[in-house]
N, C-alpha and C. Protein backbone atom coordinates (compact mmCIF):
# COMPACT_ATOMS: atom_id res chain seq x y z
N MET A 1 87.76 54.15 66.86
CA MET A 1 88.03 55.51 66.42
C MET A 1 87.21 56.51 67.25
N ILE A 2 85.90 56.26 67.38
CA ILE A 2 85.05 57.16 68.15
C ILE A 2 85.48 57.13 69.62
N ARG A 3 85.84 55.95 70.09
CA ARG A 3 86.28 55.84 71.48
C ARG A 3 87.55 56.65 71.72
N ARG A 4 88.52 56.59 70.79
CA ARG A 4 89.76 57.37 70.92
C ARG A 4 89.48 58.86 70.87
N LEU A 5 88.58 59.25 69.98
CA LEU A 5 88.20 60.65 69.87
C LEU A 5 87.55 61.13 71.16
N PHE A 6 86.65 60.33 71.70
CA PHE A 6 85.98 60.67 72.96
C PHE A 6 87.00 60.79 74.10
N THR A 7 87.92 59.81 74.19
CA THR A 7 88.97 59.84 75.22
C THR A 7 89.83 61.08 75.06
N GLY A 8 90.17 61.41 73.84
CA GLY A 8 90.97 62.61 73.57
C GLY A 8 90.25 63.87 74.02
N LEU A 9 88.95 63.96 73.73
CA LEU A 9 88.17 65.13 74.14
C LEU A 9 88.07 65.23 75.66
N VAL A 10 87.90 64.09 76.33
CA VAL A 10 87.84 64.09 77.80
C VAL A 10 89.17 64.55 78.37
N LEU A 11 90.27 64.03 77.84
CA LEU A 11 91.60 64.44 78.32
C LEU A 11 91.85 65.92 78.05
N LEU A 12 91.43 66.39 76.90
CA LEU A 12 91.56 67.81 76.57
C LEU A 12 90.75 68.65 77.55
N GLY A 13 89.56 68.19 77.86
CA GLY A 13 88.71 68.90 78.83
C GLY A 13 89.34 68.94 80.21
N LEU A 14 89.93 67.83 80.65
CA LEU A 14 90.60 67.80 81.96
C LEU A 14 91.82 68.71 81.97
N THR A 15 92.57 68.73 80.87
CA THR A 15 93.74 69.61 80.77
C THR A 15 93.29 71.06 80.84
N THR A 16 92.20 71.38 80.16
CA THR A 16 91.68 72.74 80.17
C THR A 16 91.25 73.13 81.58
N LEU A 17 90.60 72.21 82.31
CA LEU A 17 90.21 72.50 83.68
C LEU A 17 91.42 72.70 84.57
N ALA A 18 92.47 71.93 84.34
CA ALA A 18 93.68 72.06 85.15
C ALA A 18 94.34 73.42 84.93
N HIS A 19 94.17 73.97 83.75
CA HIS A 19 94.74 75.28 83.43
C HIS A 19 93.64 76.34 83.35
N ALA A 20 92.64 76.20 84.21
CA ALA A 20 91.52 77.14 84.20
C ALA A 20 92.03 78.56 84.43
N ALA A 21 91.22 79.49 84.04
CA ALA A 21 91.58 80.90 84.13
C ALA A 21 91.93 81.28 85.56
N PHE A 22 92.93 82.11 85.68
CA PHE A 22 93.35 82.67 86.96
C PHE A 22 92.22 83.59 87.43
N ASP A 23 91.78 83.44 88.68
CA ASP A 23 90.66 84.25 89.13
C ASP A 23 91.03 85.11 90.33
N VAL A 24 90.12 85.99 90.72
CA VAL A 24 90.36 86.95 91.80
C VAL A 24 90.67 86.23 93.11
N ASP A 25 89.96 85.14 93.40
CA ASP A 25 90.23 84.41 94.64
C ASP A 25 91.66 83.86 94.67
N GLN A 26 92.13 83.35 93.54
CA GLN A 26 93.50 82.84 93.48
C GLN A 26 94.50 83.99 93.69
N LEU A 27 94.24 85.13 93.05
CA LEU A 27 95.13 86.28 93.22
C LEU A 27 95.15 86.74 94.67
N MET A 28 93.98 86.85 95.28
CA MET A 28 93.91 87.32 96.67
C MET A 28 94.63 86.35 97.61
N ALA A 29 94.50 85.06 97.37
CA ALA A 29 95.21 84.07 98.20
C ALA A 29 96.72 84.22 98.03
N GLU A 30 97.16 84.45 96.82
CA GLU A 30 98.59 84.64 96.54
C GLU A 30 99.10 85.90 97.25
N LEU A 31 98.37 87.00 97.13
CA LEU A 31 98.79 88.26 97.75
C LEU A 31 98.78 88.15 99.27
N ALA A 32 97.82 87.45 99.83
CA ALA A 32 97.71 87.31 101.29
C ALA A 32 98.90 86.57 101.89
N ARG A 33 99.59 85.77 101.09
CA ARG A 33 100.75 85.02 101.58
C ARG A 33 102.00 85.89 101.72
N SER A 34 101.99 87.09 101.15
CA SER A 34 103.18 87.94 101.19
C SER A 34 103.35 88.59 102.56
N PRO A 35 104.54 88.48 103.15
CA PRO A 35 104.80 89.14 104.43
C PRO A 35 105.08 90.63 104.26
N GLY A 36 105.29 91.05 103.02
CA GLY A 36 105.65 92.44 102.76
C GLY A 36 107.12 92.54 102.42
N GLY A 37 107.66 93.74 102.56
CA GLY A 37 109.05 93.96 102.23
C GLY A 37 109.27 95.40 101.82
N GLN A 38 110.39 95.65 101.18
CA GLN A 38 110.75 97.00 100.75
C GLN A 38 111.12 96.97 99.28
N ALA A 39 110.72 98.03 98.56
CA ALA A 39 111.01 98.13 97.13
C ALA A 39 111.18 99.59 96.74
N LYS A 40 111.90 99.80 95.67
CA LYS A 40 112.05 101.15 95.10
C LYS A 40 110.91 101.39 94.12
N PHE A 41 110.53 102.67 93.97
CA PHE A 41 109.48 103.01 93.01
C PHE A 41 109.87 104.24 92.21
N VAL A 42 109.27 104.33 91.03
CA VAL A 42 109.32 105.53 90.19
C VAL A 42 107.86 105.86 89.88
N GLU A 43 107.47 107.08 90.18
CA GLU A 43 106.09 107.50 89.98
C GLU A 43 106.07 108.68 89.00
N LYS A 44 105.23 108.58 87.99
CA LYS A 44 105.07 109.65 87.02
C LYS A 44 103.65 110.17 87.10
N ARG A 45 103.52 111.48 87.36
CA ARG A 45 102.21 112.12 87.44
C ARG A 45 102.02 112.98 86.19
N TYR A 46 100.99 112.66 85.43
CA TYR A 46 100.65 113.39 84.21
C TYR A 46 99.50 114.33 84.52
N LEU A 47 99.80 115.62 84.54
CA LEU A 47 98.81 116.64 84.88
C LEU A 47 98.51 117.49 83.66
N ALA A 48 97.25 117.82 83.45
CA ALA A 48 96.83 118.60 82.27
C ALA A 48 97.54 119.95 82.21
N LEU A 49 97.89 120.50 83.34
CA LEU A 49 98.52 121.82 83.39
C LEU A 49 100.00 121.81 83.00
N LEU A 50 100.61 120.64 82.93
CA LEU A 50 102.05 120.55 82.67
C LEU A 50 102.34 119.87 81.34
N ASP A 51 103.44 120.27 80.71
CA ASP A 51 103.84 119.69 79.43
C ASP A 51 104.47 118.30 79.57
N LYS A 52 105.11 118.06 80.71
CA LYS A 52 105.74 116.76 80.91
C LYS A 52 105.42 116.26 82.32
N PRO A 53 105.55 114.97 82.54
CA PRO A 53 105.16 114.42 83.84
C PRO A 53 106.09 114.86 84.96
N VAL A 54 105.53 114.89 86.16
CA VAL A 54 106.32 115.10 87.37
C VAL A 54 106.78 113.71 87.80
N VAL A 55 108.09 113.54 87.94
CA VAL A 55 108.64 112.23 88.28
C VAL A 55 109.13 112.24 89.72
N ALA A 56 108.70 111.26 90.47
CA ALA A 56 109.13 111.09 91.86
C ALA A 56 109.74 109.71 92.03
N THR A 57 110.72 109.61 92.93
CA THR A 57 111.35 108.32 93.22
C THR A 57 111.43 108.14 94.72
N GLY A 58 111.52 106.89 95.14
CA GLY A 58 111.62 106.62 96.56
C GLY A 58 111.50 105.15 96.88
N ASP A 59 111.10 104.89 98.11
CA ASP A 59 110.96 103.53 98.61
C ASP A 59 109.55 103.30 99.12
N LEU A 60 109.08 102.09 98.95
CA LEU A 60 107.82 101.63 99.53
C LEU A 60 108.15 100.54 100.53
N ILE A 61 107.48 100.59 101.67
CA ILE A 61 107.67 99.56 102.69
C ILE A 61 106.29 99.06 103.08
N TYR A 62 106.14 97.75 103.08
CA TYR A 62 104.88 97.15 103.50
C TYR A 62 105.19 96.04 104.50
N ASN A 63 104.62 96.16 105.69
CA ASN A 63 104.69 95.10 106.70
C ASN A 63 103.27 94.65 106.93
N ALA A 64 102.97 93.45 106.46
CA ALA A 64 101.61 92.92 106.56
C ALA A 64 101.20 92.82 108.01
N PRO A 65 99.97 93.10 108.33
CA PRO A 65 98.92 93.57 107.44
C PRO A 65 98.65 95.08 107.51
N ASP A 66 99.24 95.79 108.46
CA ASP A 66 98.75 97.14 108.75
C ASP A 66 99.65 98.31 108.40
N LEU A 67 100.88 98.11 108.03
CA LEU A 67 101.80 99.23 107.82
C LEU A 67 102.18 99.34 106.36
N LEU A 68 101.92 100.51 105.79
CA LEU A 68 102.33 100.83 104.43
C LEU A 68 102.99 102.20 104.48
N GLU A 69 104.21 102.28 103.99
CA GLU A 69 104.96 103.53 104.04
C GLU A 69 105.51 103.86 102.66
N LYS A 70 105.38 105.12 102.28
CA LYS A 70 105.92 105.61 101.01
C LYS A 70 106.87 106.75 101.34
N ARG A 71 108.14 106.53 101.07
CA ARG A 71 109.17 107.55 101.30
C ARG A 71 109.61 108.09 99.95
N THR A 72 109.29 109.33 99.70
CA THR A 72 109.67 109.97 98.44
C THR A 72 110.93 110.79 98.67
N TYR A 73 111.94 110.61 97.79
CA TYR A 73 113.20 111.33 97.92
C TYR A 73 113.35 112.44 96.89
N THR A 74 112.82 112.20 95.70
CA THR A 74 112.88 113.24 94.67
C THR A 74 111.50 113.37 94.06
N PRO A 75 111.06 114.52 93.62
CA PRO A 75 111.77 115.79 93.59
C PRO A 75 111.81 116.49 94.95
N LYS A 76 110.93 116.09 95.89
CA LYS A 76 110.91 116.65 97.24
C LYS A 76 110.77 115.53 98.23
N VAL A 77 111.45 115.67 99.36
CA VAL A 77 111.34 114.67 100.40
C VAL A 77 109.95 114.73 101.02
N GLU A 78 109.34 113.57 101.09
CA GLU A 78 107.98 113.45 101.64
C GLU A 78 107.82 112.04 102.18
N THR A 79 107.11 111.92 103.29
CA THR A 79 106.85 110.60 103.86
C THR A 79 105.35 110.47 104.10
N MET A 80 104.81 109.34 103.68
CA MET A 80 103.42 109.01 103.93
C MET A 80 103.41 107.66 104.64
N VAL A 81 102.76 107.61 105.78
CA VAL A 81 102.69 106.36 106.55
C VAL A 81 101.23 106.05 106.82
N LEU A 82 100.83 104.86 106.45
CA LEU A 82 99.49 104.37 106.74
C LEU A 82 99.65 103.26 107.77
N TYR A 83 99.12 103.51 108.96
CA TYR A 83 99.15 102.50 110.00
C TYR A 83 97.75 102.37 110.58
N LYS A 84 97.17 101.22 110.39
CA LYS A 84 95.80 100.94 110.81
C LYS A 84 94.86 102.02 110.25
N ASP A 85 94.24 102.84 111.10
CA ASP A 85 93.25 103.83 110.65
C ASP A 85 93.85 105.23 110.46
N THR A 86 95.16 105.37 110.59
CA THR A 86 95.76 106.70 110.54
C THR A 86 96.70 106.84 109.35
N LEU A 87 96.49 107.90 108.59
CA LEU A 87 97.37 108.26 107.48
C LEU A 87 98.14 109.50 107.91
N SER A 88 99.46 109.41 107.97
CA SER A 88 100.32 110.53 108.35
C SER A 88 101.12 110.98 107.15
N LEU A 89 101.16 112.29 106.93
CA LEU A 89 101.93 112.88 105.84
C LEU A 89 102.91 113.89 106.41
N GLU A 90 104.15 113.85 105.91
CA GLU A 90 105.14 114.82 106.34
C GLU A 90 105.87 115.35 105.12
N ARG A 91 105.91 116.70 105.02
CA ARG A 91 106.58 117.36 103.89
C ARG A 91 106.96 118.76 104.34
N ASP A 92 108.18 119.16 104.03
CA ASP A 92 108.67 120.49 104.40
C ASP A 92 108.49 120.76 105.89
N ARG A 93 108.80 119.78 106.70
CA ARG A 93 108.69 119.87 108.16
C ARG A 93 107.26 120.10 108.66
N ARG A 94 106.30 119.94 107.79
CA ARG A 94 104.90 120.04 108.18
C ARG A 94 104.35 118.63 108.27
N ARG A 95 103.54 118.40 109.26
CA ARG A 95 102.97 117.08 109.47
C ARG A 95 101.46 117.17 109.56
N MET A 96 100.80 116.20 108.94
CA MET A 96 99.35 116.15 108.96
C MET A 96 98.93 114.71 109.19
N GLN A 97 97.87 114.52 109.94
CA GLN A 97 97.31 113.19 110.16
C GLN A 97 95.84 113.19 109.79
N ILE A 98 95.44 112.09 109.18
CA ILE A 98 94.04 111.92 108.79
C ILE A 98 93.57 110.59 109.39
N GLN A 99 92.44 110.64 110.07
CA GLN A 99 91.81 109.42 110.55
C GLN A 99 90.90 108.92 109.42
N LEU A 100 91.20 107.78 108.88
CA LEU A 100 90.46 107.27 107.73
C LEU A 100 88.98 107.08 108.03
N SER A 101 88.66 106.75 109.26
CA SER A 101 87.25 106.56 109.62
C SER A 101 86.45 107.86 109.48
N GLN A 102 87.13 108.99 109.49
CA GLN A 102 86.44 110.29 109.36
C GLN A 102 86.44 110.80 107.92
N ARG A 103 87.17 110.14 107.03
CA ARG A 103 87.24 110.57 105.62
C ARG A 103 87.05 109.37 104.71
N PRO A 104 85.79 108.94 104.51
CA PRO A 104 85.54 107.71 103.75
C PRO A 104 86.09 107.72 102.32
N GLU A 105 86.10 108.89 101.66
CA GLU A 105 86.62 108.93 100.29
C GLU A 105 88.13 108.72 100.28
N VAL A 106 88.84 109.24 101.26
CA VAL A 106 90.28 109.00 101.38
C VAL A 106 90.51 107.53 101.76
N ALA A 107 89.72 107.03 102.68
CA ALA A 107 89.84 105.64 103.12
C ALA A 107 89.66 104.69 101.94
N ALA A 108 88.70 104.93 101.09
CA ALA A 108 88.44 104.05 99.94
C ALA A 108 89.64 104.03 99.01
N PHE A 109 90.24 105.17 98.80
CA PHE A 109 91.41 105.26 97.92
C PHE A 109 92.60 104.53 98.53
N VAL A 110 92.90 104.83 99.79
CA VAL A 110 94.04 104.23 100.48
C VAL A 110 93.85 102.72 100.64
N GLU A 111 92.64 102.33 100.98
CA GLU A 111 92.37 100.91 101.18
C GLU A 111 92.48 100.10 99.89
N SER A 112 92.34 100.75 98.75
CA SER A 112 92.49 100.01 97.50
C SER A 112 93.87 99.38 97.41
N ILE A 113 94.88 100.10 97.87
CA ILE A 113 96.24 99.57 97.83
C ILE A 113 96.47 98.58 98.97
N ARG A 114 96.15 99.01 100.19
CA ARG A 114 96.41 98.13 101.34
C ARG A 114 95.60 96.83 101.22
N SER A 115 94.34 96.92 100.84
CA SER A 115 93.52 95.71 100.72
C SER A 115 94.03 94.79 99.62
N THR A 116 94.56 95.36 98.55
CA THR A 116 95.17 94.52 97.51
C THR A 116 96.39 93.81 98.07
N LEU A 117 97.25 94.55 98.75
CA LEU A 117 98.45 93.93 99.32
C LEU A 117 98.09 92.85 100.34
N GLN A 118 97.01 93.05 101.07
CA GLN A 118 96.56 92.07 102.07
C GLN A 118 95.86 90.87 101.43
N GLY A 119 95.43 91.03 100.18
CA GLY A 119 94.63 89.99 99.55
C GLY A 119 93.23 89.97 100.12
N ASN A 120 92.70 91.14 100.46
CA ASN A 120 91.40 91.27 101.12
C ASN A 120 90.32 91.64 100.10
N ARG A 121 89.76 90.65 99.47
CA ARG A 121 88.75 90.86 98.43
C ARG A 121 87.51 91.56 98.97
N ALA A 122 87.03 91.15 100.13
CA ALA A 122 85.81 91.75 100.71
C ALA A 122 85.98 93.25 100.91
N SER A 123 87.13 93.67 101.39
CA SER A 123 87.39 95.09 101.59
C SER A 123 87.40 95.84 100.25
N LEU A 124 88.02 95.26 99.25
CA LEU A 124 88.05 95.89 97.92
C LEU A 124 86.64 96.03 97.35
N GLU A 125 85.84 94.98 97.49
CA GLU A 125 84.51 94.98 96.89
C GLU A 125 83.52 95.90 97.59
N ARG A 126 83.87 96.42 98.76
CA ARG A 126 83.01 97.42 99.41
C ARG A 126 82.98 98.72 98.60
N ASN A 127 84.06 99.02 97.89
CA ASN A 127 84.16 100.29 97.16
C ASN A 127 84.39 100.17 95.66
N TYR A 128 84.73 98.97 95.18
CA TYR A 128 85.13 98.82 93.78
C TYR A 128 84.54 97.58 93.14
N THR A 129 84.37 97.66 91.82
CA THR A 129 84.13 96.49 91.00
C THR A 129 85.50 96.01 90.56
N LEU A 130 85.75 94.70 90.67
CA LEU A 130 87.06 94.13 90.36
C LEU A 130 87.02 93.42 89.01
N LYS A 131 88.06 93.64 88.22
CA LYS A 131 88.21 92.91 86.96
C LYS A 131 89.66 92.45 86.87
N LEU A 132 89.86 91.14 86.73
CA LEU A 132 91.19 90.56 86.67
C LEU A 132 91.43 89.98 85.28
N THR A 133 92.61 90.27 84.73
CA THR A 133 93.03 89.65 83.48
C THR A 133 94.44 89.08 83.68
N GLY A 134 94.82 88.17 82.80
CA GLY A 134 96.15 87.59 82.85
C GLY A 134 96.20 86.29 83.59
N ASN A 135 97.39 85.97 84.08
CA ASN A 135 97.59 84.73 84.82
C ASN A 135 98.46 85.02 86.04
N ALA A 136 98.80 84.01 86.80
CA ALA A 136 99.53 84.20 88.05
C ALA A 136 100.88 84.88 87.83
N ASP A 137 101.49 84.68 86.69
CA ASP A 137 102.81 85.25 86.43
C ASP A 137 102.76 86.65 85.82
N ALA A 138 101.60 87.10 85.38
CA ALA A 138 101.45 88.44 84.79
C ALA A 138 99.98 88.80 84.84
N TRP A 139 99.56 89.43 85.94
CA TRP A 139 98.16 89.76 86.14
C TRP A 139 97.94 91.27 86.17
N THR A 140 96.70 91.65 85.87
CA THR A 140 96.26 93.05 85.96
C THR A 140 94.90 93.06 86.64
N LEU A 141 94.82 93.82 87.72
CA LEU A 141 93.58 93.95 88.48
C LEU A 141 93.11 95.39 88.34
N THR A 142 91.90 95.57 87.79
CA THR A 142 91.33 96.90 87.61
C THR A 142 90.22 97.10 88.63
N LEU A 143 90.30 98.22 89.33
CA LEU A 143 89.32 98.59 90.34
C LEU A 143 88.54 99.80 89.83
N VAL A 144 87.24 99.66 89.72
CA VAL A 144 86.37 100.76 89.27
C VAL A 144 85.45 101.11 90.44
N PRO A 145 85.46 102.39 90.85
CA PRO A 145 84.65 102.80 92.00
C PRO A 145 83.17 102.55 91.78
N ILE A 146 82.49 102.09 92.83
CA ILE A 146 81.05 101.88 92.73
C ILE A 146 80.27 102.99 93.42
N GLU A 147 80.92 103.74 94.32
CA GLU A 147 80.26 104.87 94.98
C GLU A 147 80.46 106.14 94.18
N GLN A 148 79.41 106.92 94.05
CA GLN A 148 79.47 108.13 93.23
C GLN A 148 80.49 109.14 93.73
N ARG A 149 80.61 109.33 95.03
CA ARG A 149 81.55 110.34 95.53
C ARG A 149 83.00 109.95 95.25
N ILE A 150 83.29 108.65 95.16
CA ILE A 150 84.63 108.21 94.78
C ILE A 150 84.80 108.32 93.27
N ALA A 151 83.77 107.92 92.53
CA ALA A 151 83.82 107.99 91.06
C ALA A 151 83.93 109.43 90.57
N ALA A 152 83.46 110.39 91.35
CA ALA A 152 83.59 111.80 90.98
C ALA A 152 85.05 112.24 90.99
N LEU A 153 85.90 111.52 91.71
CA LEU A 153 87.32 111.85 91.80
C LEU A 153 88.20 110.91 90.99
N LEU A 154 87.77 109.67 90.85
CA LEU A 154 88.63 108.62 90.33
C LEU A 154 87.88 107.73 89.36
N GLN A 155 88.43 107.58 88.13
CA GLN A 155 87.79 106.67 87.17
C GLN A 155 88.14 105.21 87.46
N ARG A 156 89.44 104.97 87.71
CA ARG A 156 89.86 103.59 87.98
C ARG A 156 91.28 103.56 88.54
N ILE A 157 91.57 102.43 89.18
CA ILE A 157 92.91 102.10 89.63
C ILE A 157 93.26 100.78 88.97
N THR A 158 94.45 100.72 88.40
CA THR A 158 94.90 99.49 87.75
C THR A 158 96.19 99.04 88.43
N LEU A 159 96.16 97.85 88.97
CA LEU A 159 97.33 97.28 89.61
C LEU A 159 97.81 96.11 88.77
N SER A 160 99.10 95.96 88.65
CA SER A 160 99.63 94.84 87.88
C SER A 160 100.76 94.20 88.67
N GLY A 161 101.01 92.94 88.37
CA GLY A 161 102.06 92.26 89.10
C GLY A 161 102.29 90.85 88.64
N ALA A 162 103.06 90.14 89.45
CA ALA A 162 103.39 88.75 89.21
C ALA A 162 103.33 88.02 90.54
N ARG A 163 102.55 86.96 90.56
CA ARG A 163 102.37 86.18 91.79
C ARG A 163 101.94 87.09 92.93
N GLN A 164 102.72 87.13 94.03
CA GLN A 164 102.31 87.91 95.20
C GLN A 164 102.93 89.30 95.25
N GLN A 165 103.42 89.77 94.11
CA GLN A 165 104.04 91.09 94.09
C GLN A 165 103.28 92.05 93.18
N VAL A 166 102.99 93.22 93.73
CA VAL A 166 102.43 94.31 92.95
C VAL A 166 103.61 95.06 92.34
N LEU A 167 103.64 95.15 91.01
CA LEU A 167 104.76 95.78 90.32
C LEU A 167 104.39 97.07 89.62
N GLY A 168 103.10 97.40 89.60
CA GLY A 168 102.66 98.64 88.98
C GLY A 168 101.32 99.07 89.52
N ILE A 169 101.17 100.39 89.67
CA ILE A 169 99.90 100.96 90.11
C ILE A 169 99.64 102.18 89.24
N ALA A 170 98.46 102.25 88.65
CA ALA A 170 98.09 103.41 87.83
C ALA A 170 96.73 103.92 88.29
N TYR A 171 96.66 105.23 88.46
CA TYR A 171 95.42 105.90 88.85
C TYR A 171 94.98 106.78 87.70
N LEU A 172 93.74 106.68 87.29
CA LEU A 172 93.18 107.59 86.32
C LEU A 172 92.10 108.38 87.02
N GLN A 173 92.34 109.66 87.19
CA GLN A 173 91.40 110.52 87.89
C GLN A 173 90.24 110.89 86.97
N ALA A 174 89.16 111.34 87.55
CA ALA A 174 87.98 111.71 86.79
C ALA A 174 88.26 112.88 85.86
N ASP A 175 89.19 113.75 86.22
CA ASP A 175 89.51 114.91 85.39
C ASP A 175 90.50 114.59 84.27
N GLY A 176 90.94 113.33 84.16
CA GLY A 176 91.86 112.92 83.11
C GLY A 176 93.32 112.88 83.53
N ASP A 177 93.68 113.52 84.63
CA ASP A 177 95.05 113.42 85.13
C ASP A 177 95.29 111.97 85.53
N ARG A 178 96.56 111.55 85.45
CA ARG A 178 96.85 110.16 85.81
C ARG A 178 98.22 110.05 86.47
N THR A 179 98.37 108.99 87.22
CA THR A 179 99.62 108.68 87.89
C THR A 179 99.97 107.24 87.57
N GLU A 180 101.24 107.01 87.23
CA GLU A 180 101.71 105.66 86.94
C GLU A 180 102.94 105.38 87.80
N MET A 181 102.86 104.33 88.60
CA MET A 181 103.98 103.97 89.46
C MET A 181 104.50 102.60 89.06
N THR A 182 105.81 102.50 88.87
CA THR A 182 106.43 101.19 88.66
C THR A 182 107.21 100.86 89.93
N ILE A 183 107.16 99.60 90.30
CA ILE A 183 107.74 99.14 91.55
C ILE A 183 108.69 97.99 91.25
N GLU A 184 109.91 98.10 91.77
CA GLU A 184 110.85 97.00 91.63
C GLU A 184 110.33 95.82 92.45
N PRO A 185 110.71 94.60 92.09
CA PRO A 185 110.30 93.47 92.92
C PRO A 185 110.74 93.67 94.36
N VAL A 186 109.89 93.27 95.28
CA VAL A 186 110.11 93.47 96.71
C VAL A 186 111.29 92.66 97.21
N ARG A 187 112.12 93.33 98.01
CA ARG A 187 113.16 92.62 98.76
C ARG A 187 112.51 92.15 100.04
N LEU A 188 112.49 90.87 100.24
CA LEU A 188 111.83 90.31 101.43
C LEU A 188 112.69 90.54 102.67
N PRO A 189 112.02 90.78 103.83
CA PRO A 189 112.77 91.04 105.07
C PRO A 189 113.56 89.82 105.52
């Protein structure tokens, strides 16, 4: 009887180890395997000055490891392209470029998304504390800024997804305004 109980406990322990908690390293490895792709998004911006959210729609394109593009079609056409160290914005026929190396606070914000898509834990941990909940099929990664100048602008970024796909991104700004983006599953190239 004691022997059967002991064997049962050992087997239960091995089963528990086999189903150990999903961790950040596993998530990063899963994300790093994604070649990228294209997906549609809906973004809702909740601003204290407005009674209802501003809703934007468009496409996201990610080609691992260096190209991230956000094409917004409504309510106004706008294109944002992140390629290596350069962030380019185009709206109303006006174009602006930012070198991320010259704007560390912008770089930290932008890199939170690109580094997540790349599965680059070291890059994320330079600017954020990481907290992961869930499992491989339904995970949530919360990024909390560790630098004061970033924390003065941003309380946290919450990314959610399944396996190697990011399906939601939420930003909570320090002033209480927030943005929530839902992303359709990526169509692979």
